[in-house]
């Protein structure tokens, strides 16, 4: 006899996808990290970074010392609770990019996740900026965090640049690194101005303007193949240029004042590349 058809079993809460539980756990983890970060910044601001201990941070957040170390390896990490999750979101943007999108546009969208992190809590971001300027250890930690984004974008661009846009395909690693650095520099330039203004202003519009400069400058081959400026052209005398760039082998070194206009920084790097 044929077997009777099975009646579909009703879905119960225990059948919920594991991803839902994972999402809740991630949200709880981020909430705890932010609470610890708030406690750390309050203590750093009142007692000073050197005088503040991990035990005091944990006590201010209402948790045990071991809970602190489940989330952070040291007290200097505690004021950067969102970088790990933001890096994941930025990578997700790269992985989900539509095939027709220019890779530089994709990277610009990816790094906007970083700006969203800062813009989501302006007061916290401004206070963190003040602390990183005053405490070298915190500044070094932030520099290390920025380097992680730059490595992510370099790997992405390295896999997407078209060798036909270049004279020499061996330049791809250099081109990818320069382009990724340009995007990160543009982002950081806008971010610093916004933080110095107390977190006021349309930071998204400023960021779009900066990215337009990057896209125009490095959109195809990052300036490769463009004719070098004539050596006979008169050079304007600038006793203290805002930006200087030089090439050594396969490396371009640029030195710029912190107040140098972004478009001048990009133009100088482009000229140095075209003269290789």
C-alpha atoms as a PDB file:
ATOM      1  CA  UNK A   1       0.000   0.000   0.000  1.00  0.00           C
ATOM      2  CA  UNK A   2       1.209   3.476  -0.717  1.00  0.00           C
ATOM      3  CA  UNK A   3       2.363   5.369   2.310  1.00  0.00           C
ATOM      4  CA  UNK A   4       0.233   8.230   3.486  1.00  0.00           C
ATOM      5  CA  UNK A   5       1.650  11.616   2.693  1.00  0.00           C
ATOM      6  CA  UNK A   6       3.385  13.215   5.621  1.00  0.00           C
ATOM      7  CA  UNK A   7       1.797  16.292   7.065  1.00  0.00           C
ATOM      8  CA  UNK A   8       4.262  19.192   7.032  1.00  0.00           C
ATOM      9  CA  UNK A   9       5.544  19.851  10.517  1.00  0.00           C
ATOM     10  CA  UNK A  10       4.712  23.266  11.900  1.00  0.00           C
ATOM     11  CA  UNK A  11       7.668  25.575  12.212  1.00  0.00           C
ATOM     12  CA  UNK A  12       8.687  26.175  15.798  1.00  0.00           C
ATOM     13  CA  UNK A  13      11.012  28.773  17.285  1.00  0.00           C
ATOM     14  CA  UNK A  14      13.690  26.099  17.535  1.00  0.00           C
ATOM     15  CA  UNK A  15      13.635  25.811  13.734  1.00  0.00           C
ATOM     16  CA  UNK A  16      14.778  29.410  13.270  1.00  0.00           C
ATOM     17  CA  UNK A  17      17.868  29.664  11.063  1.00  0.00           C
ATOM     18  CA  UNK A  18      21.149  29.652  12.873  1.00  0.00           C
ATOM     19  CA  UNK A  19      21.928  32.935  11.165  1.00  0.00           C
ATOM     20  CA  UNK A  20      19.237  34.662  13.230  1.00  0.00           C
ATOM     21  CA  UNK A  21      20.858  33.480  16.448  1.00  0.00           C
ATOM     22  CA  UNK A  22      24.221  34.536  15.091  1.00  0.00           C
ATOM     23  CA  UNK A  23      22.868  37.981  14.281  1.00  0.00           C
ATOM     24  CA  UNK A  24      21.534  38.407  17.814  1.00  0.00           C
ATOM     25  CA  UNK A  25      24.840  37.270  19.290  1.00  0.00           C
ATOM     26  CA  UNK A  26      26.746  39.707  17.080  1.00  0.00           C
ATOM     27  CA  UNK A  27      24.446  42.553  18.130  1.00  0.00           C
ATOM     28  CA  UNK A  28      24.933  41.719  21.807  1.00  0.00           C
ATOM     29  CA  UNK A  29      28.684  41.513  21.309  1.00  0.00           C
ATOM     30  CA  UNK A  30      28.779  44.913  19.609  1.00  0.00           C
ATOM     31  CA  UNK A  31      26.591  46.425  22.344  1.00  0.00           C
ATOM     32  CA  UNK A  32      29.000  45.181  25.016  1.00  0.00           C
ATOM     33  CA  UNK A  33      32.022  46.443  23.092  1.00  0.00           C
ATOM     34  CA  UNK A  34      30.454  49.886  22.753  1.00  0.00           C
ATOM     35  CA  UNK A  35      29.628  50.018  26.456  1.00  0.00           C
ATOM     36  CA  UNK A  36      33.236  49.179  27.282  1.00  0.00           C
ATOM     37  CA  UNK A  37      34.413  51.808  24.793  1.00  0.00           C
ATOM     38  CA  UNK A  38      32.204  54.449  26.399  1.00  0.00           C
ATOM     39  CA  UNK A  39      33.551  53.566  29.837  1.00  0.00           C
ATOM     40  CA  UNK A  40      37.133  53.699  28.567  1.00  0.00           C
ATOM     41  CA  UNK A  41      36.720  57.101  26.914  1.00  0.00           C
ATOM     42  CA  UNK A  42      35.063  58.564  30.000  1.00  0.00           C
ATOM     43  CA  UNK A  43      37.938  57.396  32.187  1.00  0.00           C
ATOM     44  CA  UNK A  44      40.618  58.464  29.707  1.00  0.00           C
ATOM     45  CA  UNK A  45      39.033  61.922  29.611  1.00  0.00           C
ATOM     46  CA  UNK A  46      38.815  62.305  33.398  1.00  0.00           C
ATOM     47  CA  UNK A  47      41.798  60.331  34.729  1.00  0.00           C
ATOM     48  CA  UNK A  48      44.056  60.251  31.707  1.00  0.00           C
ATOM     49  CA  UNK A  49      45.037  57.294  29.560  1.00  0.00           C
ATOM     50  CA  UNK A  50      48.111  56.224  31.535  1.00  0.00           C
ATOM     51  CA  UNK A  51      46.336  56.364  34.916  1.00  0.00           C
ATOM     52  CA  UNK A  52      43.348  54.294  33.792  1.00  0.00           C
ATOM     53  CA  UNK A  53      43.420  50.525  34.328  1.00  0.00           C
ATOM     54  CA  UNK A  54      41.505  47.712  32.670  1.00  0.00           C
ATOM     55  CA  UNK A  55      39.890  46.896  36.026  1.00  0.00           C
ATOM     56  CA  UNK A  56      38.517  50.433  36.227  1.00  0.00           C
ATOM     57  CA  UNK A  57      37.140  50.267  32.694  1.00  0.00           C
ATOM     58  CA  UNK A  58      35.413  46.962  33.433  1.00  0.00           C
ATOM     59  CA  UNK A  59      34.004  48.284  36.709  1.00  0.00           C
ATOM     60  CA  UNK A  60      32.679  51.435  35.013  1.00  0.00           C
ATOM     61  CA  UNK A  61      30.932  49.242  32.423  1.00  0.00           C
ATOM     62  CA  UNK A  62      29.562  46.971  35.166  1.00  0.00           C
ATOM     63  CA  UNK A  63      31.319  43.800  34.017  1.00  0.00           C
ATOM     64  CA  UNK A  64      34.137  41.566  35.218  1.00  0.00           C
ATOM     65  CA  UNK A  65      37.746  41.928  34.111  1.00  0.00           C
ATOM     66  CA  UNK A  66      37.566  38.656  32.161  1.00  0.00           C
ATOM     67  CA  UNK A  67      34.609  40.037  30.191  1.00  0.00           C
ATOM     68  CA  UNK A  68      36.755  42.961  29.095  1.00  0.00           C
ATOM     69  CA  UNK A  69      39.431  40.607  27.786  1.00  0.00           C
ATOM     70  CA  UNK A  70      36.859  38.583  25.864  1.00  0.00           C
ATOM     71  CA  UNK A  71      36.323  41.682  23.745  1.00  0.00           C
ATOM     72  CA  UNK A  72      39.647  43.543  23.758  1.00  0.00           C
ATOM     73  CA  UNK A  73      43.265  42.537  24.162  1.00  0.00           C
ATOM     74  CA  UNK A  74      44.327  45.824  25.747  1.00  0.00           C
ATOM     75  CA  UNK A  75      42.937  49.122  26.942  1.00  0.00           C
ATOM     76  CA  UNK A  76      44.123  50.979  23.824  1.00  0.00           C
ATOM     77  CA  UNK A  77      41.857  48.756  21.724  1.00  0.00           C
ATOM     78  CA  UNK A  78      38.838  49.622  23.839  1.00  0.00           C
ATOM     79  CA  UNK A  79      37.979  52.925  22.172  1.00  0.00           C
ATOM     80  CA  UNK A  80      37.754  51.304  18.729  1.00  0.00           C
ATOM     81  CA  UNK A  81      34.859  48.861  19.185  1.00  0.00           C
ATOM     82  CA  UNK A  82      33.459  49.018  15.652  1.00  0.00           C
ATOM     83  CA  UNK A  83      36.433  48.551  13.341  1.00  0.00           C
ATOM     84  CA  UNK A  84      36.197  44.747  13.147  1.00  0.00           C
ATOM     85  CA  UNK A  85      32.516  44.807  12.191  1.00  0.00           C
ATOM     86  CA  UNK A  86      33.025  47.725   9.821  1.00  0.00           C
ATOM     87  CA  UNK A  87      35.805  45.839   8.049  1.00  0.00           C
ATOM     88  CA  UNK A  88      33.406  42.923   7.543  1.00  0.00           C
ATOM     89  CA  UNK A  89      30.745  45.248   6.099  1.00  0.00           C
ATOM     90  CA  UNK A  90      33.264  46.915   3.793  1.00  0.00           C
ATOM     91  CA  UNK A  91      34.391  43.531   2.506  1.00  0.00           C
ATOM     92  CA  UNK A  92      30.757  42.531   1.949  1.00  0.00           C
ATOM     93  CA  UNK A  93      30.308  45.601  -0.268  1.00  0.00           C
ATOM     94  CA  UNK A  94      33.286  44.523  -2.372  1.00  0.00           C
ATOM     95  CA  UNK A  95      32.076  40.928  -2.640  1.00  0.00           C
ATOM     96  CA  UNK A  96      28.573  41.986  -3.729  1.00  0.00           C
ATOM     97  CA  UNK A  97      29.700  44.543  -6.321  1.00  0.00           C
ATOM     98  CA  UNK A  98      27.836  44.375  -9.663  1.00  0.00           C
ATOM     99  CA  UNK A  99      30.008  43.254 -12.604  1.00  0.00           C
ATOM    100  CA  UNK A 100      29.623  46.543 -14.502  1.00  0.00           C
ATOM    101  CA  UNK A 101      30.784  48.772 -11.625  1.00  0.00           C
ATOM    102  CA  UNK A 102      34.214  50.350 -11.879  1.00  0.00           C
ATOM    103  CA  UNK A 103      36.446  48.861  -9.141  1.00  0.00           C
ATOM    104  CA  UNK A 104      37.346  52.308  -7.807  1.00  0.00           C
ATOM    105  CA  UNK A 105      33.649  53.112  -7.394  1.00  0.00           C
ATOM    106  CA  UNK A 106      33.223  49.842  -5.518  1.00  0.00           C
ATOM    107  CA  UNK A 107      36.098  50.656  -3.183  1.00  0.00           C
ATOM    108  CA  UNK A 108      34.671  54.134  -2.583  1.00  0.00           C
ATOM    109  CA  UNK A 109      31.354  52.562  -1.605  1.00  0.00           C
ATOM    110  CA  UNK A 110      33.193  50.141   0.648  1.00  0.00           C
ATOM    111  CA  UNK A 111      35.033  52.808   2.588  1.00  0.00           C
ATOM    112  CA  UNK A 112      31.787  54.720   3.064  1.00  0.00           C
ATOM    113  CA  UNK A 113      30.994  52.031   5.629  1.00  0.00           C
ATOM    114  CA  UNK A 114      33.857  53.469   7.685  1.00  0.00           C
ATOM    115  CA  UNK A 115      32.459  56.987   7.444  1.00  0.00           C
ATOM    116  CA  UNK A 116      29.024  55.706   8.480  1.00  0.00           C
ATOM    117  CA  UNK A 117      30.640  54.280  11.605  1.00  0.00           C
ATOM    118  CA  UNK A 118      32.012  57.696  12.578  1.00  0.00           C
ATOM    119  CA  UNK A 119      28.975  59.704  11.460  1.00  0.00           C
ATOM    120  CA  UNK A 120      26.619  57.415  13.386  1.00  0.00           C
ATOM    121  CA  UNK A 121      27.903  58.817  16.709  1.00  0.00           C
ATOM    122  CA  UNK A 122      29.370  62.283  16.066  1.00  0.00           C
ATOM    123  CA  UNK A 123      29.981  63.168  19.729  1.00  0.00           C
ATOM    124  CA  UNK A 124      31.789  59.886  20.389  1.00  0.00           C
ATOM    125  CA  UNK A 125      33.830  60.247  17.203  1.00  0.00           C
ATOM    126  CA  UNK A 126      34.904  63.796  18.048  1.00  0.00           C
ATOM    127  CA  UNK A 127      35.967  62.767  21.553  1.00  0.00           C
ATOM    128  CA  UNK A 128      37.859  59.766  20.196  1.00  0.00           C
ATOM    129  CA  UNK A 129      39.619  62.035  17.707  1.00  0.00           C
ATOM    130  CA  UNK A 130      40.690  64.309  20.548  1.00  0.00           C
ATOM    131  CA  UNK A 131      42.051  61.355  22.508  1.00  0.00           C
ATOM    132  CA  UNK A 132      43.981  59.926  19.564  1.00  0.00           C
ATOM    133  CA  UNK A 133      45.626  63.294  18.987  1.00  0.00           C
ATOM    134  CA  UNK A 134      46.725  63.497  22.619  1.00  0.00           C
ATOM    135  CA  UNK A 135      47.791  59.887  23.251  1.00  0.00           C
ATOM    136  CA  UNK A 136      50.431  58.467  20.861  1.00  0.00           C
ATOM    137  CA  UNK A 137      49.528  54.860  21.734  1.00  0.00           C
ATOM    138  CA  UNK A 138      45.926  55.421  20.682  1.00  0.00           C
ATOM    139  CA  UNK A 139      47.019  57.193  17.524  1.00  0.00           C
ATOM    140  CA  UNK A 140      49.221  54.227  16.589  1.00  0.00           C
ATOM    141  CA  UNK A 141      46.304  51.881  17.172  1.00  0.00           C
ATOM    142  CA  UNK A 142      44.091  53.909  14.861  1.00  0.00           C
ATOM    143  CA  UNK A 143      46.795  53.982  12.184  1.00  0.00           C
ATOM    144  CA  UNK A 144      46.959  50.183  12.388  1.00  0.00           C
ATOM    145  CA  UNK A 145      43.183  50.002  11.927  1.00  0.00           C
ATOM    146  CA  UNK A 146      43.327  52.230   8.850  1.00  0.00           C
ATOM    147  CA  UNK A 147      46.054  49.995   7.393  1.00  0.00           C
ATOM    148  CA  UNK A 148      43.670  47.026   7.532  1.00  0.00           C
ATOM    149  CA  UNK A 149      41.176  48.830   5.289  1.00  0.00           C
ATOM    150  CA  UNK A 150      43.933  49.826   2.904  1.00  0.00           C
ATOM    151  CA  UNK A 151      45.143  46.220   2.586  1.00  0.00           C
ATOM    152  CA  UNK A 152      41.585  45.057   1.906  1.00  0.00           C
ATOM    153  CA  UNK A 153      41.097  47.604  -0.881  1.00  0.00           C
ATOM    154  CA  UNK A 154      44.543  46.943  -2.360  1.00  0.00           C
ATOM    155  CA  UNK A 155      43.766  43.228  -2.686  1.00  0.00           C
ATOM    156  CA  UNK A 156      40.444  44.023  -4.333  1.00  0.00           C
ATOM    157  CA  UNK A 157      41.888  46.481  -6.838  1.00  0.00           C
ATOM    158  CA  UNK A 158      44.785  44.175  -7.626  1.00  0.00           C
ATOM    159  CA  UNK A 159      42.280  41.585  -8.784  1.00  0.00           C
ATOM    160  CA  UNK A 160      40.289  44.020 -10.935  1.00  0.00           C
ATOM    161  CA  UNK A 161      42.675  46.320 -12.772  1.00  0.00           C
ATOM    162  CA  UNK A 162      42.824  45.658 -16.496  1.00  0.00           C
ATOM    163  CA  UNK A 163      46.396  45.125 -17.664  1.00  0.00           C
ATOM    164  CA  UNK A 164      45.461  46.543 -21.072  1.00  0.00           C
ATOM    165  CA  UNK A 165      45.215  49.972 -19.442  1.00  0.00           C
ATOM    166  CA  UNK A 166      48.919  49.863 -18.590  1.00  0.00           C
ATOM    167  CA  UNK A 167      52.168  49.815 -20.499  1.00  0.00           C
ATOM    168  CA  UNK A 168      53.558  47.094 -18.259  1.00  0.00           C
ATOM    169  CA  UNK A 169      51.396  44.520 -16.490  1.00  0.00           C
ATOM    170  CA  UNK A 170      54.058  44.206 -13.795  1.00  0.00           C
ATOM    171  CA  UNK A 171      52.946  47.596 -12.494  1.00  0.00           C
ATOM    172  CA  UNK A 172      49.656  46.156 -11.245  1.00  0.00           C
ATOM    173  CA  UNK A 173      50.718  45.788  -7.581  1.00  0.00           C
ATOM    174  CA  UNK A 174      51.974  49.383  -7.526  1.00  0.00           C
ATOM    175  CA  UNK A 175      48.886  50.721  -9.279  1.00  0.00           C
ATOM    176  CA  UNK A 176      46.533  48.879  -6.936  1.00  0.00           C
ATOM    177  CA  UNK A 177      48.380  50.121  -3.862  1.00  0.00           C
ATOM    178  CA  UNK A 178      48.462  53.725  -5.073  1.00  0.00           C
ATOM    179  CA  UNK A 179      44.753  53.673  -5.923  1.00  0.00           C
ATOM    180  CA  UNK A 180      43.787  52.129  -2.582  1.00  0.00           C
ATOM    181  CA  UNK A 181      45.944  54.680  -0.769  1.00  0.00           C
ATOM    182  CA  UNK A 182      44.274  57.486  -2.715  1.00  0.00           C
ATOM    183  CA  UNK A 183      40.796  56.340  -1.685  1.00  0.00           C
ATOM    184  CA  UNK A 184      41.811  55.971   1.966  1.00  0.00           C
ATOM    185  CA  UNK A 185      43.594  59.342   1.899  1.00  0.00           C
ATOM    186  CA  UNK A 186      40.523  61.045   0.436  1.00  0.00           C
ATOM    187  CA  UNK A 187      38.323  59.480   3.109  1.00  0.00           C
ATOM    188  CA  UNK A 188      40.679  60.437   5.941  1.00  0.00           C
ATOM    189  CA  UNK A 189      41.063  63.987   4.611  1.00  0.00           C
ATOM    190  CA  UNK A 190      37.296  64.526   4.703  1.00  0.00           C
ATOM    191  CA  UNK A 191      36.938  62.728   8.037  1.00  0.00           C
ATOM    192  CA  UNK A 192      39.569  64.897   9.746  1.00  0.00           C
ATOM    193  CA  UNK A 193      37.946  68.101   8.490  1.00  0.00           C
ATOM    194  CA  UNK A 194      34.568  66.908   9.726  1.00  0.00           C
ATOM    195  CA  UNK A 195      35.946  65.954  13.144  1.00  0.00           C
ATOM    196  CA  UNK A 196      37.784  69.269  13.506  1.00  0.00           C
ATOM    197  CA  UNK A 197      34.466  70.984  12.779  1.00  0.00           C
ATOM    198  CA  UNK A 198      32.926  69.154  15.726  1.00  0.00           C
ATOM    199  CA  UNK A 199      31.130  66.581  13.585  1.00  0.00           C
ATOM    200  CA  UNK A 200      29.097  69.260  11.808  1.00  0.00           C
ATOM    201  CA  UNK A 201      28.375  69.536   8.090  1.00  0.00           C
ATOM    202  CA  UNK A 202      27.301  67.333   5.201  1.00  0.00           C
ATOM    203  CA  UNK A 203      30.118  64.824   5.394  1.00  0.00           C
ATOM    204  CA  UNK A 204      28.593  62.558   2.738  1.00  0.00           C
ATOM    205  CA  UNK A 205      28.581  65.339   0.135  1.00  0.00           C
ATOM    206  CA  UNK A 206      32.180  66.209   1.010  1.00  0.00           C
ATOM    207  CA  UNK A 207      33.143  62.565   0.665  1.00  0.00           C
ATOM    208  CA  UNK A 208      31.463  62.250  -2.736  1.00  0.00           C
ATOM    209  CA  UNK A 209      33.381  65.320  -3.939  1.00  0.00           C
ATOM    210  CA  UNK A 210      36.685  63.856  -2.747  1.00  0.00           C
ATOM    211  CA  UNK A 211      35.957  60.516  -4.403  1.00  0.00           C
ATOM    212  CA  UNK A 212      35.110  62.277  -7.670  1.00  0.00           C
ATOM    213  CA  UNK A 213      38.640  63.713  -7.642  1.00  0.00           C
ATOM    214  CA  UNK A 214      40.112  60.259  -7.033  1.00  0.00           C
ATOM    215  CA  UNK A 215      37.987  58.720  -9.781  1.00  0.00           C
ATOM    216  CA  UNK A 216      38.958  61.419 -12.279  1.00  0.00           C
ATOM    217  CA  UNK A 217      42.647  61.106 -11.430  1.00  0.00           C
ATOM    218  CA  UNK A 218      43.010  57.333 -11.158  1.00  0.00           C
ATOM    219  CA  UNK A 219      40.003  56.045 -13.093  1.00  0.00           C
ATOM    220  CA  UNK A 220      41.947  54.381 -15.897  1.00  0.00           C
ATOM    221  CA  UNK A 221      45.430  53.030 -15.423  1.00  0.00           C
ATOM    222  CA  UNK A 222      46.070  55.542 -12.642  1.00  0.00           C
ATOM    223  CA  UNK A 223      47.710  57.925 -15.063  1.00  0.00           C
ATOM    224  CA  UNK A 224      49.808  55.265 -16.815  1.00  0.00           C
ATOM    225  CA  UNK A 225      50.549  55.968 -20.446  1.00  0.00           C
ATOM    226  CA  UNK A 226      49.931  59.695 -20.276  1.00  0.00           C
ATOM    227  CA  UNK A 227      52.669  61.815 -21.826  1.00  0.00           C
ATOM    228  CA  UNK A 228      55.182  63.214 -19.395  1.00  0.00           C
ATOM    229  CA  UNK A 229      55.305  67.005 -19.095  1.00  0.00           C
ATOM    230  CA  UNK A 230      57.865  68.629 -21.360  1.00  0.00           C
ATOM    231  CA  UNK A 231      61.183  69.146 -19.604  1.00  0.00           C
ATOM    232  CA  UNK A 232      61.510  72.505 -21.359  1.00  0.00           C
ATOM    233  CA  UNK A 233      58.342  73.874 -19.783  1.00  0.00           C
ATOM    234  CA  UNK A 234      59.101  76.579 -17.237  1.00  0.00           C
ATOM    235  CA  UNK A 235      58.681  75.481 -13.654  1.00  0.00           C
ATOM    236  CA  UNK A 236      56.969  77.774 -11.214  1.00  0.00           C
ATOM    237  CA  UNK A 237      59.178  78.641  -8.307  1.00  0.00           C
ATOM    238  CA  UNK A 238      57.656  77.397  -5.074  1.00  0.00           C
ATOM    239  CA  UNK A 239      59.939  77.804  -2.081  1.00  0.00           C
ATOM    240  CA  UNK A 240      57.726  75.610   0.106  1.00  0.00           C
ATOM    241  CA  UNK A 241      55.422  73.397  -1.994  1.00  0.00           C
ATOM    242  CA  UNK A 242      52.439  71.875  -0.256  1.00  0.00           C
ATOM    243  CA  UNK A 243      53.124  68.506  -1.894  1.00  0.00           C
ATOM    244  CA  UNK A 244      56.275  66.844  -3.223  1.00  0.00           C
ATOM    245  CA  UNK A 245      56.528  63.461  -4.930  1.00  0.00           C
ATOM    246  CA  UNK A 246      59.453  61.438  -6.222  1.00  0.00           C
ATOM    247  CA  UNK A 247      59.949  57.987  -7.727  1.00  0.00           C
ATOM    248  CA  UNK A 248      62.549  55.405  -6.743  1.00  0.00           C
ATOM    249  CA  UNK A 249      62.363  52.236  -8.782  1.00  0.00           C
ATOM    250  CA  UNK A 250      58.778  50.970  -8.481  1.00  0.00           C
ATOM    251  CA  UNK A 251      57.908  53.184  -5.519  1.00  0.00           C
ATOM    252  CA  UNK A 252      56.350  56.643  -5.467  1.00  0.00           C
ATOM    253  CA  UNK A 253      56.978  58.672  -2.322  1.00  0.00           C
ATOM    254  CA  UNK A 254      54.734  61.679  -1.676  1.00  0.00           C
ATOM    255  CA  UNK A 255      55.144  64.174   1.160  1.00  0.00           C
ATOM    256  CA  UNK A 256      52.309  66.609   1.808  1.00  0.00           C
ATOM    257  CA  UNK A 257      51.372  69.136   4.443  1.00  0.00           C
ATOM    258  CA  UNK A 258      48.229  68.173   6.350  1.00  0.00           C
ATOM    259  CA  UNK A 259      46.487  71.284   4.978  1.00  0.00           C
ATOM    260  CA  UNK A 260      47.406  70.540   1.355  1.00  0.00           C
ATOM    261  CA  UNK A 261      44.343  70.546  -0.969  1.00  0.00           C
ATOM    262  CA  UNK A 262      43.313  67.017  -1.873  1.00  0.00           C
ATOM    263  CA  UNK A 263      43.231  67.702  -5.615  1.00  0.00           C
ATOM    264  CA  UNK A 264      46.822  68.991  -5.456  1.00  0.00           C
ATOM    265  CA  UNK A 265      47.942  65.814  -3.660  1.00  0.00           C
ATOM    266  CA  UNK A 266      46.302  63.640  -6.324  1.00  0.00           C
ATOM    267  CA  UNK A 267      47.690  65.726  -9.198  1.00  0.00           C
ATOM    268  CA  UNK A 268      51.229  65.543  -7.813  1.00  0.00           C
ATOM    269  CA  UNK A 269      51.090  61.751  -7.448  1.00  0.00           C
ATOM    270  CA  UNK A 270      49.682  61.438 -10.963  1.00  0.00           C
ATOM    271  CA  UNK A 271      52.496  63.569 -12.396  1.00  0.00           C
ATOM    272  CA  UNK A 272      55.116  61.507 -10.566  1.00  0.00           C
ATOM    273  CA  UNK A 273      53.646  58.297 -11.997  1.00  0.00           C
ATOM    274  CA  UNK A 274      53.524  59.663 -15.544  1.00  0.00           C
ATOM    275  CA  UNK A 275      57.212  60.606 -15.353  1.00  0.00           C
ATOM    276  CA  UNK A 276      58.361  57.062 -14.541  1.00  0.00           C
END
